[in-house]
PDB file of N, CA and C in Angstrom:
ATOM      1  N   UNK A   1       0.849  -1.175   0.000  1.00  0.00           N
ATOM      2  CA  UNK A   1       0.000   0.000   0.000  1.00  0.00           C
ATOM      3  C   UNK A   1       0.891   1.233   0.000  1.00  0.00           C
ATOM      4  N   UNK A   2       0.574   2.172  -0.846  1.00  0.00           N
ATOM      5  CA  UNK A   2       1.370   3.390  -0.915  1.00  0.00           C
ATOM      6  C   UNK A   2       0.909   4.378   0.154  1.00  0.00           C
ATOM      7  N   UNK A   3       1.710   5.400   0.378  1.00  0.00           N
ATOM      8  CA  UNK A   3       1.366   6.418   1.364  1.00  0.00           C
ATOM      9  C   UNK A   3       0.084   7.142   0.972  1.00  0.00           C
ATOM     10  N   UNK A   4      -0.082   7.443  -0.309  1.00  0.00           N
ATOM     11  CA  UNK A   4      -1.290   8.137  -0.769  1.00  0.00           C
ATOM     12  C   UNK A   4      -2.535   7.278  -0.537  1.00  0.00           C
ATOM     13  N   UNK A   5      -2.447   5.998  -0.847  1.00  0.00           N
ATOM     14  CA  UNK A   5      -3.579   5.089  -0.632  1.00  0.00           C
ATOM     15  C   UNK A   5      -3.904   4.990   0.842  1.00  0.00           C
ATOM     16  N   UNK A   6      -2.884   4.926   1.655  1.00  0.00           N
ATOM     17  CA  UNK A   6      -3.082   4.837   3.095  1.00  0.00           C
ATOM     18  C   UNK A   6      -3.763   6.099   3.624  1.00  0.00           C
ATOM     19  N   UNK A   7      -3.341   7.274   3.151  1.00  0.00           N
ATOM     20  CA  UNK A   7      -3.964   8.521   3.596  1.00  0.00           C
ATOM     21  C   UNK A   7      -5.448   8.537   3.261  1.00  0.00           C
ATOM     22  N   UNK A   8      -5.777   8.098   2.068  1.00  0.00           N
ATOM     23  CA  UNK A   8      -7.170   8.103   1.632  1.00  0.00           C
ATOM     24  C   UNK A   8      -7.997   7.093   2.426  1.00  0.00           C
ATOM     25  N   UNK A   9      -7.468   5.876   2.577  1.00  0.00           N
ATOM     26  CA  UNK A   9      -8.219   4.797   3.206  1.00  0.00           C
ATOM     27  C   UNK A   9      -8.281   4.925   4.726  1.00  0.00           C
ATOM     28  N   UNK A  10      -7.170   5.171   5.373  1.00  0.00           N
ATOM     29  CA  UNK A  10      -7.109   5.120   6.832  1.00  0.00           C
ATOM     30  C   UNK A  10      -7.349   6.463   7.519  1.00  0.00           C
ATOM     31  N   UNK A  11      -6.953   7.549   6.891  1.00  0.00           N
ATOM     32  CA  UNK A  11      -7.037   8.842   7.563  1.00  0.00           C
ATOM     33  C   UNK A  11      -8.134   9.749   7.028  1.00  0.00           C
ATOM     34  N   UNK A  12      -8.865   9.290   6.009  1.00  0.00           N
ATOM     35  CA  UNK A  12     -10.033  10.027   5.562  1.00  0.00           C
ATOM     36  C   UNK A  12      -9.778  11.194   4.625  1.00  0.00           C
ATOM     37  N   UNK A  13      -8.599  11.303   4.071  1.00  0.00           N
ATOM     38  CA  UNK A  13      -8.352  12.342   3.087  1.00  0.00           C
ATOM     39  C   UNK A  13      -8.985  11.928   1.769  1.00  0.00           C
ATOM     40  N   UNK A  14      -9.431  12.910   0.994  1.00  0.00           N
ATOM     41  CA  UNK A  14     -10.033  12.620  -0.300  1.00  0.00           C
ATOM     42  C   UNK A  14      -8.956  12.211  -1.299  1.00  0.00           C
ATOM     43  N   UNK A  15      -7.802  12.859  -1.205  1.00  0.00           N
ATOM     44  CA  UNK A  15      -6.708  12.565  -2.130  1.00  0.00           C
ATOM     45  C   UNK A  15      -5.393  13.016  -1.517  1.00  0.00           C
ATOM     46  N   UNK A  16      -4.305  12.653  -2.180  1.00  0.00           N
ATOM     47  CA  UNK A  16      -2.982  13.109  -1.749  1.00  0.00           C
ATOM     48  C   UNK A  16      -2.874  14.613  -1.928  1.00  0.00           C
ATOM     49  N   UNK A  17      -3.555  15.167  -2.938  1.00  0.00           N
ATOM     50  CA  UNK A  17      -3.540  16.609  -3.173  1.00  0.00           C
ATOM     51  C   UNK A  17      -4.167  17.365  -1.998  1.00  0.00           C
ATOM     52  N   UNK A  18      -5.205  16.799  -1.395  1.00  0.00           N
ATOM     53  CA  UNK A  18      -5.813  17.441  -0.229  1.00  0.00           C
ATOM     54  C   UNK A  18      -4.822  17.479   0.931  1.00  0.00           C
ATOM     55  N   UNK A  19      -4.115  16.383   1.146  1.00  0.00           N
ATOM     56  CA  UNK A  19      -3.094  16.352   2.199  1.00  0.00           C
ATOM     57  C   UNK A  19      -2.005  17.381   1.910  1.00  0.00           C
ATOM     58  N   UNK A  20      -1.547  17.447   0.650  1.00  0.00           N
ATOM     59  CA  UNK A  20      -0.513  18.405   0.276  1.00  0.00           C
ATOM     60  C   UNK A  20      -0.974  19.844   0.480  1.00  0.00           C
ATOM     61  N   UNK A  21      -2.235  20.147   0.167  1.00  0.00           N
ATOM     62  CA  UNK A  21      -2.720  21.511   0.361  1.00  0.00           C
ATOM     63  C   UNK A  21      -2.789  21.853   1.846  1.00  0.00           C
ATOM     64  N   UNK A  22      -3.143  20.869   2.684  1.00  0.00           N
ATOM     65  CA  UNK A  22      -3.131  21.084   4.129  1.00  0.00           C
ATOM     66  C   UNK A  22      -1.719  21.389   4.612  1.00  0.00           C
ATOM     67  N   UNK A  23      -0.765  20.600   4.151  1.00  0.00           N
ATOM     68  CA  UNK A  23       0.630  20.780   4.562  1.00  0.00           C
ATOM     69  C   UNK A  23       1.152  22.144   4.095  1.00  0.00           C
ATOM     70  N   UNK A  24       0.791  22.560   2.898  1.00  0.00           N
ATOM     71  CA  UNK A  24       1.294  23.823   2.353  1.00  0.00           C
ATOM     72  C   UNK A  24       0.724  25.052   3.052  1.00  0.00           C
ATOM     73  N   UNK A  25      -0.411  24.922   3.751  1.00  0.00           N
ATOM     74  CA  UNK A  25      -0.983  26.069   4.456  1.00  0.00           C
ATOM     75  C   UNK A  25      -0.360  26.277   5.831  1.00  0.00           C
ATOM     76  N   UNK A  26       0.397  25.307   6.292  1.00  0.00           N
ATOM     77  CA  UNK A  26       1.001  25.400   7.628  1.00  0.00           C
ATOM     78  C   UNK A  26       2.339  26.121   7.581  1.00  0.00           C
ATOM     79  N   UNK A  27       2.715  26.747   8.694  1.00  0.00           N
ATOM     80  CA  UNK A  27       4.075  27.299   8.769  1.00  0.00           C
ATOM     81  C   UNK A  27       5.097  26.155   8.771  1.00  0.00           C
ATOM     82  N   UNK A  28       6.346  26.495   8.550  1.00  0.00           N
ATOM     83  CA  UNK A  28       7.398  25.485   8.383  1.00  0.00           C
ATOM     84  C   UNK A  28       7.437  24.491   9.536  1.00  0.00           C
ATOM     85  N   UNK A  29       7.414  24.957  10.767  1.00  0.00           N
ATOM     86  CA  UNK A  29       7.533  24.069  11.922  1.00  0.00           C
ATOM     87  C   UNK A  29       6.337  23.118  12.012  1.00  0.00           C
ATOM     88  N   UNK A  30       5.135  23.616  11.786  1.00  0.00           N
ATOM     89  CA  UNK A  30       3.940  22.777  11.804  1.00  0.00           C
ATOM     90  C   UNK A  30       3.960  21.759  10.683  1.00  0.00           C
ATOM     91  N   UNK A  31       4.435  22.176   9.508  1.00  0.00           N
ATOM     92  CA  UNK A  31       4.537  21.286   8.351  1.00  0.00           C
ATOM     93  C   UNK A  31       5.481  20.131   8.656  1.00  0.00           C
ATOM     94  N   UNK A  32       6.623  20.457   9.243  1.00  0.00           N
ATOM     95  CA  UNK A  32       7.616  19.445   9.568  1.00  0.00           C
ATOM     96  C   UNK A  32       7.055  18.439  10.569  1.00  0.00           C
ATOM     97  N   UNK A  33       6.370  18.928  11.622  1.00  0.00           N
ATOM     98  CA  UNK A  33       5.805  18.037  12.639  1.00  0.00           C
ATOM     99  C   UNK A  33       4.705  17.155  12.066  1.00  0.00           C
ATOM    100  N   UNK A  34       3.869  17.700  11.184  1.00  0.00           N
ATOM    101  CA  UNK A  34       2.786  16.926  10.587  1.00  0.00           C
ATOM    102  C   UNK A  34       3.327  15.815   9.697  1.00  0.00           C
ATOM    103  N   UNK A  35       4.330  16.120   8.910  1.00  0.00           N
ATOM    104  CA  UNK A  35       4.925  15.114   8.031  1.00  0.00           C
ATOM    105  C   UNK A  35       5.577  14.002   8.848  1.00  0.00           C
ATOM    106  N   UNK A  36       6.286  14.365   9.905  1.00  0.00           N
ATOM    107  CA  UNK A  36       6.905  13.358  10.773  1.00  0.00           C
ATOM    108  C   UNK A  36       5.835  12.493  11.434  1.00  0.00           C
ATOM    109  N   UNK A  37       4.753  13.119  11.894  1.00  0.00           N
ATOM    110  CA  UNK A  37       3.655  12.376  12.529  1.00  0.00           C
ATOM    111  C   UNK A  37       3.086  11.336  11.573  1.00  0.00           C
ATOM    112  N   UNK A  38       2.801  11.730  10.343  1.00  0.00           N
ATOM    113  CA  UNK A  38       2.209  10.785   9.402  1.00  0.00           C
ATOM    114  C   UNK A  38       3.192   9.716   8.952  1.00  0.00           C
ATOM    115  N   UNK A  39       4.476  10.019   8.916  1.00  0.00           N
ATOM    116  CA  UNK A  39       5.460   8.979   8.607  1.00  0.00           C
ATOM    117  C   UNK A  39       5.476   7.922   9.701  1.00  0.00           C
ATOM    118  N   UNK A  40       5.420   8.350  10.952  1.00  0.00           N
ATOM    119  CA  UNK A  40       5.400   7.414  12.075  1.00  0.00           C
ATOM    120  C   UNK A  40       4.119   6.592  12.055  1.00  0.00           C
ATOM    121  N   UNK A  41       2.979   7.243  11.802  1.00  0.00           N
ATOM    122  CA  UNK A  41       1.702   6.532  11.729  1.00  0.00           C
ATOM    123  C   UNK A  41       1.706   5.484  10.622  1.00  0.00           C
ATOM    124  N   UNK A  42       2.241   5.833   9.458  1.00  0.00           N
ATOM    125  CA  UNK A  42       2.272   4.913   8.330  1.00  0.00           C
ATOM    126  C   UNK A  42       3.181   3.727   8.623  1.00  0.00           C
ATOM    127  N   UNK A  43       4.339   3.958   9.219  1.00  0.00           N
ATOM    128  CA  UNK A  43       5.233   2.863   9.581  1.00  0.00           C
ATOM    129  C   UNK A  43       4.570   1.940  10.596  1.00  0.00           C
ATOM    130  N   UNK A  44       3.836   2.525  11.552  1.00  0.00           N
ATOM    131  CA  UNK A  44       3.115   1.719  12.535  1.00  0.00           C
ATOM    132  C   UNK A  44       2.038   0.889  11.835  1.00  0.00           C
ATOM    133  N   UNK A  45       1.336   1.479  10.890  1.00  0.00           N
ATOM    134  CA  UNK A  45       0.314   0.749  10.140  1.00  0.00           C
ATOM    135  C   UNK A  45       0.927  -0.428   9.383  1.00  0.00           C
ATOM    136  N   UNK A  46       2.057  -0.205   8.736  1.00  0.00           N
ATOM    137  CA  UNK A  46       2.703  -1.283   7.991  1.00  0.00           C
ATOM    138  C   UNK A  46       3.138  -2.419   8.909  1.00  0.00           C
ATOM    139  N   UNK A  47       3.561  -2.067  10.126  1.00  0.00           N
ATOM    140  CA  UNK A  47       4.005  -3.083  11.079  1.00  0.00           C
ATOM    141  C   UNK A  47       2.848  -3.884  11.662  1.00  0.00           C
ATOM    142  N   UNK A  48       1.660  -3.304  11.757  1.00  0.00           N
ATOM    143  CA  UNK A  48       0.557  -3.960  12.451  1.00  0.00           C
ATOM    144  C   UNK A  48      -0.523  -4.511  11.526  1.00  0.00           C
ATOM    145  N   UNK A  49      -0.452  -4.245  10.237  1.00  0.00           N
ATOM    146  CA  UNK A  49      -1.508  -4.749   9.339  1.00  0.00           C
ATOM    147  C   UNK A  49      -1.381  -6.258   9.198  1.00  0.00           C
ATOM    148  N   UNK A  50      -2.496  -6.923   9.030  1.00  0.00           N
ATOM    149  CA  UNK A  50      -2.443  -8.380   8.858  1.00  0.00           C
ATOM    150  C   UNK A  50      -1.814  -8.738   7.510  1.00  0.00           C
ATOM    151  N   UNK A  51      -1.035  -9.775   7.519  1.00  0.00           N
ATOM    152  CA  UNK A  51      -0.395 -10.239   6.291  1.00  0.00           C
ATOM    153  C   UNK A  51      -1.299 -11.260   5.616  1.00  0.00           C
ATOM    154  N   UNK A  52      -1.362 -11.201   4.310  1.00  0.00           N
ATOM    155  CA  UNK A  52      -2.149 -12.170   3.558  1.00  0.00           C
ATOM    156  C   UNK A  52      -1.215 -13.265   3.057  1.00  0.00           C
ATOM    157  N   UNK A  53      -1.558 -14.474   3.401  1.00  0.00           N
ATOM    158  CA  UNK A  53      -0.749 -15.608   2.970  1.00  0.00           C
ATOM    159  C   UNK A  53      -1.370 -16.197   1.713  1.00  0.00           C
ATOM    160  N   UNK A  54      -0.517 -16.551   0.769  1.00  0.00           N
ATOM    161  CA  UNK A  54      -0.992 -17.169  -0.451  1.00  0.00           C
ATOM    162  C   UNK A  54      -0.348 -18.551  -0.591  1.00  0.00           C
ATOM    163  N   UNK A  55      -1.172 -19.522  -0.867  1.00  0.00           N
ATOM    164  CA  UNK A  55      -0.693 -20.884  -1.044  1.00  0.00           C
ATOM    165  C   UNK A  55      -0.946 -21.319  -2.488  1.00  0.00           C
ATOM    166  N   UNK A  56      -0.001 -22.055  -3.009  1.00  0.00           N
ATOM    167  CA  UNK A  56      -0.178 -22.596  -4.344  1.00  0.00           C
ATOM    168  C   UNK A  56      -0.418 -24.093  -4.211  1.00  0.00           C
ATOM    169  N   UNK A  57      -1.572 -24.519  -4.687  1.00  0.00           N
ATOM    170  CA  UNK A  57      -1.926 -25.923  -4.589  1.00  0.00           C
ATOM    171  C   UNK A  57      -1.648 -26.574  -5.947  1.00  0.00           C
ATOM    172  N   UNK A  58      -0.863 -27.648  -5.894  1.00  0.00           N
ATOM    173  CA  UNK A  58      -0.499 -28.339  -7.149  1.00  0.00           C
ATOM    174  C   UNK A  58      -1.222 -29.654  -7.243  1.00  0.00           C
TER     175      UNK A  58
END
């Protein structure tokens, strides 16, 4: 899952462009903290999501 897909599915953003416009309206310090927050959230999501196992039956 990409970061854009994750933002749309898990965090309720309509698109990556909406997230980018939110980030661009913030001052530098707020922008930096928001980006770091979402990077940590996304890494946590990747670590905790269930893995799908695929078996090949011959």
